[in-house]
Amino acid sequence: YFSCFSYLNQHTTVSADGKTLFFPSKYDDNRHITLFYWNIGSKDEPTRISGGISDYKINDAGNYVIYLKDRILYEYDMKDKNKIILYNPLVELIQRIFDSSNGFVVNKVNIL
């Protein structure tokens, strides 16, 4: 038995300073969430971070969100509202193949 309320509740977080609420608006068939944040007490609308997220964590200061989407690890800067890729296993595989000083080398690599 799967309870969507339990699942959504598990993915709702408040920053350590108690000023920012992180919450999913929905989940898809694969139990991925669309993640938003809202500055508690603000009259502004919640800000969408991304959809298709399988897991996320916020830093202690509550100004960065690290999240996993499609096996790619992202960092979201809440001040600039920008995201950067921290780790992409496919790019890692390509670099391991082509960055060899011995020419074209194929290594067996396990992709997450």
PDB file of N, CA and C in Angstrom:
ATOM      1  N   TYR A   1       0.837  -1.186   0.000  1.00  0.00           N
ATOM      2  CA  TYR A   1       0.000   0.000   0.000  1.00  0.00           C
ATOM      3  C   TYR A   1       0.879   1.245   0.000  1.00  0.00           C
ATOM      4  N   PHE A   2       0.587   2.164  -0.882  1.00  0.00           N
ATOM      5  CA  PHE A   2       1.371   3.395  -1.007  1.00  0.00           C
ATOM      6  C   PHE A   2       0.494   4.589  -0.677  1.00  0.00           C
ATOM      7  N   SER A   3       0.912   5.380   0.281  1.00  0.00           N
ATOM      8  CA  SER A   3       0.170   6.578   0.674  1.00  0.00           C
ATOM      9  C   SER A   3       0.867   7.809   0.121  1.00  0.00           C
ATOM     10  N   CYS A   4       0.178   8.534  -0.752  1.00  0.00           N
ATOM     11  CA  CYS A   4       0.790   9.739  -1.320  1.00  0.00           C
ATOM     12  C   CYS A   4       1.019  10.789  -0.238  1.00  0.00           C
ATOM     13  N   PHE A   5       0.148  10.844   0.782  1.00  0.00           N
ATOM     14  CA  PHE A   5       0.328  11.833   1.845  1.00  0.00           C
ATOM     15  C   PHE A   5       1.584  11.550   2.655  1.00  0.00           C
ATOM     16  N   SER A   6       1.825  10.285   2.942  1.00  0.00           N
ATOM     17  CA  SER A   6       3.045   9.909   3.656  1.00  0.00           C
ATOM     18  C   SER A   6       4.268  10.260   2.825  1.00  0.00           C
ATOM     19  N   TYR A   7       4.217   9.952   1.536  1.00  0.00           N
ATOM     20  CA  TYR A   7       5.342  10.222   0.644  1.00  0.00           C
ATOM     21  C   TYR A   7       5.622  11.721   0.554  1.00  0.00           C
ATOM     22  N   LEU A   8       4.586  12.515   0.357  1.00  0.00           N
ATOM     23  CA  LEU A   8       4.762  13.962   0.253  1.00  0.00           C
ATOM     24  C   LEU A   8       5.236  14.548   1.581  1.00  0.00           C
ATOM     25  N   ASN A   9       4.745  14.019   2.668  1.00  0.00           N
ATOM     26  CA  ASN A   9       5.155  14.492   3.983  1.00  0.00           C
ATOM     27  C   ASN A   9       6.637  14.219   4.226  1.00  0.00           C
ATOM     28  N   GLN A  10       7.138  13.083   3.748  1.00  0.00           N
ATOM     29  CA  GLN A  10       8.549  12.745   3.903  1.00  0.00           C
ATOM     30  C   GLN A  10       9.443  13.695   3.120  1.00  0.00           C
ATOM     31  N   HIS A  11       8.926  14.320   2.096  1.00  0.00           N
ATOM     32  CA  HIS A  11       9.725  15.204   1.255  1.00  0.00           C
ATOM     33  C   HIS A  11       9.495  16.686   1.557  1.00  0.00           C
ATOM     34  N   THR A  12       8.850  16.996   2.661  1.00  0.00           N
ATOM     35  CA  THR A  12       8.652  18.379   3.081  1.00  0.00           C
ATOM     36  C   THR A  12       9.683  18.699   4.151  1.00  0.00           C
ATOM     37  N   THR A  13      10.417  19.796   3.957  1.00  0.00           N
ATOM     38  CA  THR A  13      11.522  20.157   4.839  1.00  0.00           C
ATOM     39  C   THR A  13      11.485  21.646   5.130  1.00  0.00           C
ATOM     40  N   VAL A  14      11.905  22.014   6.330  1.00  0.00           N
ATOM     41  CA  VAL A  14      12.068  23.420   6.698  1.00  0.00           C
ATOM     42  C   VAL A  14      13.554  23.667   6.926  1.00  0.00           C
ATOM     43  N   SER A  15      14.052  24.794   6.437  1.00  0.00           N
ATOM     44  CA  SER A  15      15.463  25.127   6.634  1.00  0.00           C
ATOM     45  C   SER A  15      15.771  25.235   8.126  1.00  0.00           C
ATOM     46  N   ALA A  16      17.039  25.080   8.484  1.00  0.00           N
ATOM     47  CA  ALA A  16      17.462  25.093   9.889  1.00  0.00           C
ATOM     48  C   ALA A  16      17.074  26.391  10.599  1.00  0.00           C
ATOM     49  N   ASP A  17      17.058  27.512   9.871  1.00  0.00           N
ATOM     50  CA  ASP A  17      16.692  28.788  10.487  1.00  0.00           C
ATOM     51  C   ASP A  17      15.179  28.993  10.559  1.00  0.00           C
ATOM     52  N   GLY A  18      14.414  28.050   9.999  1.00  0.00           N
ATOM     53  CA  GLY A  18      12.955  28.116  10.057  1.00  0.00           C
ATOM     54  C   GLY A  18      12.326  29.136   9.124  1.00  0.00           C
ATOM     55  N   LYS A  19      13.103  29.648   8.168  1.00  0.00           N
ATOM     56  CA  LYS A  19      12.597  30.704   7.290  1.00  0.00           C
ATOM     57  C   LYS A  19      12.088  30.208   5.933  1.00  0.00           C
ATOM     58  N   THR A  20      12.489  28.999   5.530  1.00  0.00           N
ATOM     59  CA  THR A  20      12.148  28.526   4.196  1.00  0.00           C
ATOM     60  C   THR A  20      11.540  27.130   4.268  1.00  0.00           C
ATOM     61  N   LEU A  21      10.431  26.957   3.572  1.00  0.00           N
ATOM     62  CA  LEU A  21       9.745  25.678   3.481  1.00  0.00           C
ATOM     63  C   LEU A  21      10.003  25.082   2.102  1.00  0.00           C
ATOM     64  N   PHE A  22      10.475  23.844   2.055  1.00  0.00           N
ATOM     65  CA  PHE A  22      10.692  23.104   0.809  1.00  0.00           C
ATOM     66  C   PHE A  22       9.623  22.028   0.750  1.00  0.00           C
ATOM     67  N   PHE A  23       8.912  21.964  -0.370  1.00  0.00           N
ATOM     68  CA  PHE A  23       7.813  21.011  -0.441  1.00  0.00           C
ATOM     69  C   PHE A  23       7.567  20.564  -1.884  1.00  0.00           C
ATOM     70  N   PRO A  24       7.065  19.329  -2.033  1.00  0.00           N
ATOM     71  CA  PRO A  24       6.677  18.851  -3.358  1.00  0.00           C
ATOM     72  C   PRO A  24       5.241  19.258  -3.643  1.00  0.00           C
ATOM     73  N   SER A  25       4.953  19.549  -4.902  1.00  0.00           N
ATOM     74  CA  SER A  25       3.581  19.874  -5.260  1.00  0.00           C
ATOM     75  C   SER A  25       2.833  18.635  -5.726  1.00  0.00           C
ATOM     76  N   LYS A  26       3.591  17.661  -6.206  1.00  0.00           N
ATOM     77  CA  LYS A  26       2.990  16.426  -6.704  1.00  0.00           C
ATOM     78  C   LYS A  26       4.092  15.404  -6.875  1.00  0.00           C
ATOM     79  N   TYR A  27       3.694  14.186  -7.133  1.00  0.00           N
ATOM     80  CA  TYR A  27       4.658  13.162  -7.504  1.00  0.00           C
ATOM     81  C   TYR A  27       4.126  12.442  -8.728  1.00  0.00           C
ATOM     82  N   ASP A  28       5.031  11.911  -9.529  1.00  0.00           N
ATOM     83  CA  ASP A  28       4.607  11.220 -10.739  1.00  0.00           C
ATOM     84  C   ASP A  28       4.537   9.712 -10.495  1.00  0.00           C
ATOM     85  N   ASP A  29       4.291   8.960 -11.535  1.00  0.00           N
ATOM     86  CA  ASP A  29       4.155   7.503 -11.405  1.00  0.00           C
ATOM     87  C   ASP A  29       5.420   6.834 -10.892  1.00  0.00           C
ATOM     88  N   ASN A  30       6.560   7.448 -11.110  1.00  0.00           N
ATOM     89  CA  ASN A  30       7.838   6.901 -10.641  1.00  0.00           C
ATOM     90  C   ASN A  30       8.217   7.431  -9.262  1.00  0.00           C
ATOM     91  N   ARG A  31       7.284   8.117  -8.630  1.00  0.00           N
ATOM     92  CA  ARG A  31       7.483   8.716  -7.301  1.00  0.00           C
ATOM     93  C   ARG A  31       8.557   9.802  -7.318  1.00  0.00           C
ATOM     94  N   HIS A  32       8.657  10.500  -8.419  1.00  0.00           N
ATOM     95  CA  HIS A  32       9.509  11.678  -8.509  1.00  0.00           C
ATOM     96  C   HIS A  32       8.655  12.890  -8.181  1.00  0.00           C
ATOM     97  N   ILE A  33       9.271  13.879  -7.588  1.00  0.00           N
ATOM     98  CA  ILE A  33       8.518  15.053  -7.150  1.00  0.00           C
ATOM     99  C   ILE A  33       8.867  16.287  -7.972  1.00  0.00           C
ATOM    100  N   THR A  34       7.951  17.246  -7.949  1.00  0.00           N
ATOM    101  CA  THR A  34       8.235  18.602  -8.405  1.00  0.00           C
ATOM    102  C   THR A  34       8.456  19.400  -7.133  1.00  0.00           C
ATOM    103  N   LEU A  35       9.642  19.981  -6.993  1.00  0.00           N
ATOM    104  CA  LEU A  35      10.041  20.622  -5.744  1.00  0.00           C
ATOM    105  C   LEU A  35       9.897  22.137  -5.826  1.00  0.00           C
ATOM    106  N   PHE A  36       9.311  22.715  -4.783  1.00  0.00           N
ATOM    107  CA  PHE A  36       9.153  24.153  -4.630  1.00  0.00           C
ATOM    108  C   PHE A  36       9.750  24.592  -3.303  1.00  0.00           C
ATOM    109  N   TYR A  37      10.008  25.898  -3.187  1.00  0.00           N
ATOM    110  CA  TYR A  37      10.311  26.457  -1.870  1.00  0.00           C
ATOM    111  C   TYR A  37       9.531  27.747  -1.702  1.00  0.00           C
ATOM    112  N   TRP A  38       9.290  28.083  -0.447  1.00  0.00           N
ATOM    113  CA  TRP A  38       8.528  29.292  -0.105  1.00  0.00           C
ATOM    114  C   TRP A  38       9.138  29.898   1.141  1.00  0.00           C
ATOM    115  N   ASN A  39       9.373  31.205   1.088  1.00  0.00           N
ATOM    116  CA  ASN A  39       9.874  31.925   2.262  1.00  0.00           C
ATOM    117  C   ASN A  39       8.695  32.124   3.213  1.00  0.00           C
ATOM    118  N   ILE A  40       8.757  31.484   4.358  1.00  0.00           N
ATOM    119  CA  ILE A  40       7.653  31.468   5.315  1.00  0.00           C
ATOM    120  C   ILE A  40       7.291  32.893   5.730  1.00  0.00           C
ATOM    121  N   GLY A  41       6.021  33.202   5.645  1.00  0.00           N
ATOM    122  CA  GLY A  41       5.526  34.530   5.983  1.00  0.00           C
ATOM    123  C   GLY A  41       5.491  35.494   4.814  1.00  0.00           C
ATOM    124  N   SER A  42       6.086  35.108   3.699  1.00  0.00           N
ATOM    125  CA  SER A  42       6.133  35.957   2.512  1.00  0.00           C
ATOM    126  C   SER A  42       4.787  35.916   1.791  1.00  0.00           C
ATOM    127  N   LYS A  43       4.466  36.995   1.108  1.00  0.00           N
ATOM    128  CA  LYS A  43       3.265  37.028   0.275  1.00  0.00           C
ATOM    129  C   LYS A  43       3.569  36.581  -1.151  1.00  0.00           C
ATOM    130  N   ASP A  44       4.851  36.317  -1.428  1.00  0.00           N
ATOM    131  CA  ASP A  44       5.263  35.847  -2.756  1.00  0.00           C
ATOM    132  C   ASP A  44       4.771  34.424  -2.994  1.00  0.00           C
ATOM    133  N   GLU A  45       4.607  34.102  -4.266  1.00  0.00           N
ATOM    134  CA  GLU A  45       4.247  32.741  -4.653  1.00  0.00           C
ATOM    135  C   GLU A  45       5.456  31.828  -4.414  1.00  0.00           C
ATOM    136  N   PRO A  46       5.223  30.537  -4.162  1.00  0.00           N
ATOM    137  CA  PRO A  46       6.340  29.587  -4.059  1.00  0.00           C
ATOM    138  C   PRO A  46       7.140  29.559  -5.358  1.00  0.00           C
ATOM    139  N   THR A  47       8.421  29.266  -5.248  1.00  0.00           N
ATOM    140  CA  THR A  47       9.327  29.184  -6.393  1.00  0.00           C
ATOM    141  C   THR A  47       9.575  27.725  -6.740  1.00  0.00           C
ATOM    142  N   ARG A  48       9.397  27.401  -8.016  1.00  0.00           N
ATOM    143  CA  ARG A  48       9.648  26.038  -8.492  1.00  0.00           C
ATOM    144  C   ARG A  48      11.146  25.848  -8.691  1.00  0.00           C
ATOM    145  N   ILE A  49      11.686  24.775  -8.120  1.00  0.00           N
ATOM    146  CA  ILE A  49      13.094  24.438  -8.320  1.00  0.00           C
ATOM    147  C   ILE A  49      13.236  23.550  -9.551  1.00  0.00           C
ATOM    148  N   SER A  50      12.516  22.434  -9.578  1.00  0.00           N
ATOM    149  CA  SER A  50      12.559  21.523 -10.721  1.00  0.00           C
ATOM    150  C   SER A  50      11.531  20.422 -10.531  1.00  0.00           C
ATOM    151  N   GLY A  51      11.244  19.712 -11.615  1.00  0.00           N
ATOM    152  CA  GLY A  51      10.393  18.531 -11.567  1.00  0.00           C
ATOM    153  C   GLY A  51      11.228  17.293 -11.810  1.00  0.00           C
ATOM    154  N   GLY A  52      10.642  16.125 -11.606  1.00  0.00           N
ATOM    155  CA  GLY A  52      11.336  14.867 -11.858  1.00  0.00           C
ATOM    156  C   GLY A  52      12.418  14.535 -10.859  1.00  0.00           C
ATOM    157  N   ILE A  53      12.352  15.098  -9.663  1.00  0.00           N
ATOM    158  CA  ILE A  53      13.383  14.910  -8.637  1.00  0.00           C
ATOM    159  C   ILE A  53      13.119  13.629  -7.862  1.00  0.00           C
ATOM    160  N   SER A  54      14.153  12.818  -7.720  1.00  0.00           N
ATOM    161  CA  SER A  54      14.000  11.582  -6.952  1.00  0.00           C
ATOM    162  C   SER A  54      14.442  11.744  -5.500  1.00  0.00           C
ATOM    163  N   ASP A  55      15.327  12.693  -5.216  1.00  0.00           N
ATOM    164  CA  ASP A  55      15.751  12.956  -3.839  1.00  0.00           C
ATOM    165  C   ASP A  55      16.402  14.328  -3.789  1.00  0.00           C
ATOM    166  N   TYR A  56      16.375  14.942  -2.601  1.00  0.00           N
ATOM    167  CA  TYR A  56      17.025  16.246  -2.441  1.00  0.00           C
ATOM    168  C   TYR A  56      17.444  16.455  -0.994  1.00  0.00           C
ATOM    169  N   LYS A  57      18.401  17.363  -0.807  1.00  0.00           N
ATOM    170  CA  LYS A  57      18.859  17.789   0.514  1.00  0.00           C
ATOM    171  C   LYS A  57      19.133  19.282   0.441  1.00  0.00           C
ATOM    172  N   ILE A  58      18.943  19.963   1.566  1.00  0.00           N
ATOM    173  CA  ILE A  58      19.307  21.380   1.641  1.00  0.00           C
ATOM    174  C   ILE A  58      20.502  21.513   2.578  1.00  0.00           C
ATOM    175  N   ASN A  59      21.315  22.547   2.344  1.00  0.00           N
ATOM    176  CA  ASN A  59      22.449  22.757   3.240  1.00  0.00           C
ATOM    177  C   ASN A  59      21.957  23.413   4.532  1.00  0.00           C
ATOM    178  N   ASP A  60      22.823  23.471   5.544  1.00  0.00           N
ATOM    179  CA  ASP A  60      22.423  23.999   6.853  1.00  0.00           C
ATOM    180  C   ASP A  60      21.946  25.441   6.779  1.00  0.00           C
ATOM    181  N   ALA A  61      22.561  26.232   5.930  1.00  0.00           N
ATOM    182  CA  ALA A  61      22.165  27.639   5.806  1.00  0.00           C
ATOM    183  C   ALA A  61      20.860  27.795   5.028  1.00  0.00           C
ATOM    184  N   GLY A  62      20.457  26.755   4.324  1.00  0.00           N
ATOM    185  CA  GLY A  62      19.202  26.796   3.570  1.00  0.00           C
ATOM    186  C   GLY A  62      19.263  27.626   2.308  1.00  0.00           C
ATOM    187  N   ASN A  63      20.463  27.828   1.760  1.00  0.00           N
ATOM    188  CA  ASN A  63      20.565  28.633   0.543  1.00  0.00           C
ATOM    189  C   ASN A  63      20.999  27.826  -0.680  1.00  0.00           C
ATOM    190  N   TYR A  64      21.245  26.540  -0.506  1.00  0.00           N
ATOM    191  CA  TYR A  64      21.563  25.653  -1.624  1.00  0.00           C
ATOM    192  C   TYR A  64      20.755  24.363  -1.485  1.00  0.00           C
ATOM    193  N   VAL A  65      20.307  23.853  -2.606  1.00  0.00           N
ATOM    194  CA  VAL A  65      19.598  22.578  -2.644  1.00  0.00           C
ATOM    195  C   VAL A  65      20.383  21.663  -3.583  1.00  0.00           C
ATOM    196  N   ILE A  66      20.682  20.475  -3.104  1.00  0.00           N
ATOM    197  CA  ILE A  66      21.313  19.457  -3.932  1.00  0.00           C
ATOM    198  C   ILE A  66      20.215  18.460  -4.263  1.00  0.00           C
ATOM    199  N   TYR A  67      20.029  18.156  -5.552  1.00  0.00           N
ATOM    200  CA  TYR A  67      18.970  17.203  -5.898  1.00  0.00           C
ATOM    201  C   TYR A  67      19.398  16.275  -7.022  1.00  0.00           C
ATOM    202  N   LEU A  68      18.753  15.123  -7.042  1.00  0.00           N
ATOM    203  CA  LEU A  68      19.025  14.094  -8.032  1.00  0.00           C
ATOM    204  C   LEU A  68      17.844  13.999  -8.992  1.00  0.00           C
ATOM    205  N   LYS A  69      18.160  14.117 -10.278  1.00  0.00           N
ATOM    206  CA  LYS A  69      17.140  14.057 -11.326  1.00  0.00           C
ATOM    207  C   LYS A  69      17.732  13.312 -12.513  1.00  0.00           C
ATOM    208  N   ASP A  70      17.076  12.243 -12.929  1.00  0.00           N
ATOM    209  CA  ASP A  70      17.544  11.458 -14.081  1.00  0.00           C
ATOM    210  C   ASP A  70      19.002  11.038 -13.933  1.00  0.00           C
ATOM    211  N   ARG A  71      19.377  10.602 -12.731  1.00  0.00           N
ATOM    212  CA  ARG A  71      20.738  10.141 -12.405  1.00  0.00           C
ATOM    213  C   ARG A  71      21.791  11.238 -12.449  1.00  0.00           C
ATOM    214  N   ILE A  72      21.380  12.477 -12.575  1.00  0.00           N
ATOM    215  CA  ILE A  72      22.304  13.608 -12.604  1.00  0.00           C
ATOM    216  C   ILE A  72      22.138  14.388 -11.308  1.00  0.00           C
ATOM    217  N   LEU A  73      23.255  14.749 -10.683  1.00  0.00           N
ATOM    218  CA  LEU A  73      23.245  15.489  -9.432  1.00  0.00           C
ATOM    219  C   LEU A  73      23.386  16.980  -9.725  1.00  0.00           C
ATOM    220  N   TYR A  74      22.431  17.769  -9.217  1.00  0.00           N
ATOM    221  CA  TYR A  74      22.405  19.210  -9.443  1.00  0.00           C
ATOM    222  C   TYR A  74      22.566  19.972  -8.130  1.00  0.00           C
ATOM    223  N   GLU A  75      23.062  21.197  -8.253  1.00  0.00           N
ATOM    224  CA  GLU A  75      23.074  22.146  -7.138  1.00  0.00           C
ATOM    225  C   GLU A  75      22.252  23.355  -7.572  1.00  0.00           C
ATOM    226  N   TYR A  76      21.291  23.743  -6.734  1.00  0.00           N
ATOM    227  CA  TYR A  76      20.451  24.900  -7.018  1.00  0.00           C
ATOM    228  C   TYR A  76      20.801  26.003  -6.033  1.00  0.00           C
ATOM    229  N   ASP A  77      21.212  27.156  -6.551  1.00  0.00           N
ATOM    230  CA  ASP A  77      21.545  28.330  -5.751  1.00  0.00           C
ATOM    231  C   ASP A  77      20.279  29.160  -5.604  1.00  0.00           C
ATOM    232  N   MET A  78      19.744  29.240  -4.407  1.00  0.00           N
ATOM    233  CA  MET A  78      18.469  29.920  -4.203  1.00  0.00           C
ATOM    234  C   MET A  78      18.573  31.432  -4.365  1.00  0.00           C
ATOM    235  N   LYS A  79      19.728  32.002  -4.112  1.00  0.00           N
ATOM    236  CA  LYS A  79      19.894  33.449  -4.281  1.00  0.00           C
ATOM    237  C   LYS A  79      19.837  33.824  -5.757  1.00  0.00           C
ATOM    238  N   ASP A  80      20.618  33.123  -6.575  1.00  0.00           N
ATOM    239  CA  ASP A  80      20.689  33.431  -8.012  1.00  0.00           C
ATOM    240  C   ASP A  80      19.644  32.672  -8.829  1.00  0.00           C
ATOM    241  N   LYS A  81      18.989  31.697  -8.204  1.00  0.00           N
ATOM    242  CA  LYS A  81      18.000  30.846  -8.875  1.00  0.00           C
ATOM    243  C   LYS A  81      18.598  30.161 -10.100  1.00  0.00           C
ATOM    244  N   ASN A  82      19.851  29.720  -9.940  1.00  0.00           N
ATOM    245  CA  ASN A  82      20.567  29.002 -10.999  1.00  0.00           C
ATOM    246  C   ASN A  82      20.849  27.586 -10.546  1.00  0.00           C
ATOM    247  N   LYS A  83      20.902  26.676 -11.510  1.00  0.00           N
ATOM    248  CA  LYS A  83      21.315  25.319 -11.197  1.00  0.00           C
ATOM    249  C   LYS A  83      22.557  24.984 -11.993  1.00  0.00           C
ATOM    250  N   ILE A  84      23.412  24.161 -11.394  1.00  0.00           N
ATOM    251  CA  ILE A  84      24.590  23.654 -12.087  1.00  0.00           C
ATOM    252  C   ILE A  84      24.628  22.144 -11.897  1.00  0.00           C
ATOM    253  N   ILE A  85      25.237  21.459 -12.827  1.00  0.00           N
ATOM    254  CA  ILE A  85      25.406  20.021 -12.722  1.00  0.00           C
ATOM    255  C   ILE A  85      26.653  19.742 -11.895  1.00  0.00           C
ATOM    256  N   LEU A  86      26.485  18.985 -10.822  1.00  0.00           N
ATOM    257  CA  LEU A  86      27.615  18.586  -9.996  1.00  0.00           C
ATOM    258  C   LEU A  86      28.237  17.287 -10.472  1.00  0.00           C
ATOM    259  N   TYR A  87      27.372  16.379 -10.926  1.00  0.00           N
ATOM    260  CA  TYR A  87      27.869  15.082 -11.388  1.00  0.00           C
ATOM    261  C   TYR A  87      26.907  14.504 -12.410  1.00  0.00           C
ATOM    262  N   ASN A  88      27.463  14.101 -13.544  1.00  0.00           N
ATOM    263  CA  ASN A  88      26.687  13.441 -14.592  1.00  0.00           C
ATOM    264  C   ASN A  88      27.435  12.161 -14.955  1.00  0.00           C
ATOM    265  N   PRO A  89      26.882  10.989 -14.615  1.00  0.00           N
ATOM    266  CA  PRO A  89      27.621   9.746 -14.865  1.00  0.00           C
ATOM    267  C   PRO A  89      27.933   9.505 -16.336  1.00  0.00           C
ATOM    268  N   LEU A  90      27.098   9.971 -17.259  1.00  0.00           N
ATOM    269  CA  LEU A  90      27.373   9.778 -18.680  1.00  0.00           C
ATOM    270  C   LEU A  90      28.571  10.615 -19.115  1.00  0.00           C
ATOM    271  N   VAL A  91      28.658  11.851 -18.649  1.00  0.00           N
ATOM    272  CA  VAL A  91      29.814  12.691 -18.969  1.00  0.00           C
ATOM    273  C   VAL A  91      31.075  12.080 -18.378  1.00  0.00           C
ATOM    274  N   GLU A  92      30.970  11.541 -17.176  1.00  0.00           N
ATOM    275  CA  GLU A  92      32.107  10.866 -16.539  1.00  0.00           C
ATOM    276  C   GLU A  92      32.587   9.700 -17.404  1.00  0.00           C
ATOM    277  N   LEU A  93      31.668   8.929 -17.946  1.00  0.00           N
ATOM    278  CA  LEU A  93      32.023   7.811 -18.811  1.00  0.00           C
ATOM    279  C   LEU A  93      32.744   8.312 -20.060  1.00  0.00           C
ATOM    280  N   ILE A  94      32.221   9.347 -20.698  1.00  0.00           N
ATOM    281  CA  ILE A  94      32.834   9.893 -21.909  1.00  0.00           C
ATOM    282  C   ILE A  94      34.235  10.414 -21.603  1.00  0.00           C
ATOM    283  N   GLN A  95      34.419  11.092 -20.479  1.00  0.00           N
ATOM    284  CA  GLN A  95      35.740  11.604 -20.122  1.00  0.00           C
ATOM    285  C   GLN A  95      36.722  10.464 -19.878  1.00  0.00           C
ATOM    286  N   ARG A  96      36.258   9.401 -19.273  1.00  0.00           N
ATOM    287  CA  ARG A  96      37.148   8.264 -19.021  1.00  0.00           C
ATOM    288  C   ARG A  96      37.567   7.595 -20.323  1.00  0.00           C
ATOM    289  N   ILE A  97      36.728   7.653 -21.314  1.00  0.00           N
ATOM    290  CA  ILE A  97      37.055   7.027 -22.598  1.00  0.00           C
ATOM    291  C   ILE A  97      38.015   7.907 -23.402  1.00  0.00           C
ATOM    292  N   PHE A  98      37.780   9.206 -23.481  1.00  0.00           N
ATOM    293  CA  PHE A  98      38.525  10.071 -24.387  1.00  0.00           C
ATOM    294  C   PHE A  98      39.677  10.842 -23.749  1.00  0.00           C
ATOM    295  N   ASP A  99      39.795  10.883 -22.448  1.00  0.00           N
ATOM    296  CA  ASP A  99      40.863  11.656 -21.810  1.00  0.00           C
ATOM    297  C   ASP A  99      42.118  10.829 -21.535  1.00  0.00           C
ATOM    298  N   SER A 100      42.252   9.725 -22.175  1.00  0.00           N
ATOM    299  CA  SER A 100      43.419   8.874 -21.969  1.00  0.00           C
ATOM    300  C   SER A 100      44.565   9.339 -22.858  1.00  0.00           C
ATOM    301  N   SER A 101      45.768   9.374 -22.307  1.00  0.00           N
ATOM    302  CA  SER A 101      46.931   9.769 -23.106  1.00  0.00           C
ATOM    303  C   SER A 101      47.329   8.671 -24.092  1.00  0.00           C
ATOM    304  N   ASN A 102      46.745   7.492 -23.933  1.00  0.00           N
ATOM    305  CA  ASN A 102      47.042   6.375 -24.833  1.00  0.00           C
ATOM    306  C   ASN A 102      46.098   6.309 -26.022  1.00  0.00           C
ATOM    307  N   GLY A 103      45.356   7.357 -26.263  1.00  0.00           N
ATOM    308  CA  GLY A 103      44.411   7.340 -27.366  1.00  0.00           C
ATOM    309  C   GLY A 103      43.047   6.858 -26.915  1.00  0.00           C
ATOM    310  N   PHE A 104      42.345   6.190 -27.797  1.00  0.00           N
ATOM    311  CA  PHE A 104      40.984   5.751 -27.525  1.00  0.00           C
ATOM    312  C   PHE A 104      41.021   4.489 -26.662  1.00  0.00           C
ATOM    313  N   VAL A 105      40.590   4.623 -25.430  1.00  0.00           N
ATOM    314  CA  VAL A 105      40.584   3.494 -24.495  1.00  0.00           C
ATOM    315  C   VAL A 105      39.172   3.353 -23.952  1.00  0.00           C
ATOM    316  N   VAL A 106      38.659   2.145 -23.995  1.00  0.00           N
ATOM    317  CA  VAL A 106      37.336   1.889 -23.447  1.00  0.00           C
ATOM    318  C   VAL A 106      37.498   1.151 -22.133  1.00  0.00           C
ATOM    319  N   ASN A 107      37.063   1.789 -21.064  1.00  0.00           N
ATOM    320  CA  ASN A 107      37.085   1.167 -19.750  1.00  0.00           C
ATOM    321  C   ASN A 107      35.681   0.692 -19.414  1.00  0.00           C
ATOM    322  N   LYS A 108      35.595  -0.400 -18.701  1.00  0.00           N
ATOM    323  CA  LYS A 108      34.294  -0.847 -18.254  1.00  0.00           C
ATOM    324  C   LYS A 108      33.893   0.037 -17.071  1.00  0.00           C
ATOM    325  N   VAL A 109      32.790   0.761 -17.231  1.00  0.00           N
ATOM    326  CA  VAL A 109      32.339   1.696 -16.210  1.00  0.00           C
ATOM    327  C   VAL A 109      30.886   1.373 -15.875  1.00  0.00           C
ATOM    328  N   ASN A 110      30.603   1.292 -14.613  1.00  0.00           N
ATOM    329  CA  ASN A 110      29.219   1.087 -14.186  1.00  0.00           C
ATOM    330  C   ASN A 110      28.537   2.432 -14.038  1.00  0.00           C
ATOM    331  N   ILE A 111      27.488   2.634 -14.796  1.00  0.00           N
ATOM    332  CA  ILE A 111      26.720   3.861 -14.709  1.00  0.00           C
ATOM    333  C   ILE A 111      25.594   3.637 -13.717  1.00  0.00           C
ATOM    334  N   LEU A 112      25.418   4.595 -12.831  1.00  0.00           N
ATOM    335  CA  LEU A 112      24.372   4.484 -11.797  1.00  0.00           C
ATOM    336  C   LEU A 112      23.026   4.222 -12.389  1.00  0.00           C
TER     337      LEU A 112
END
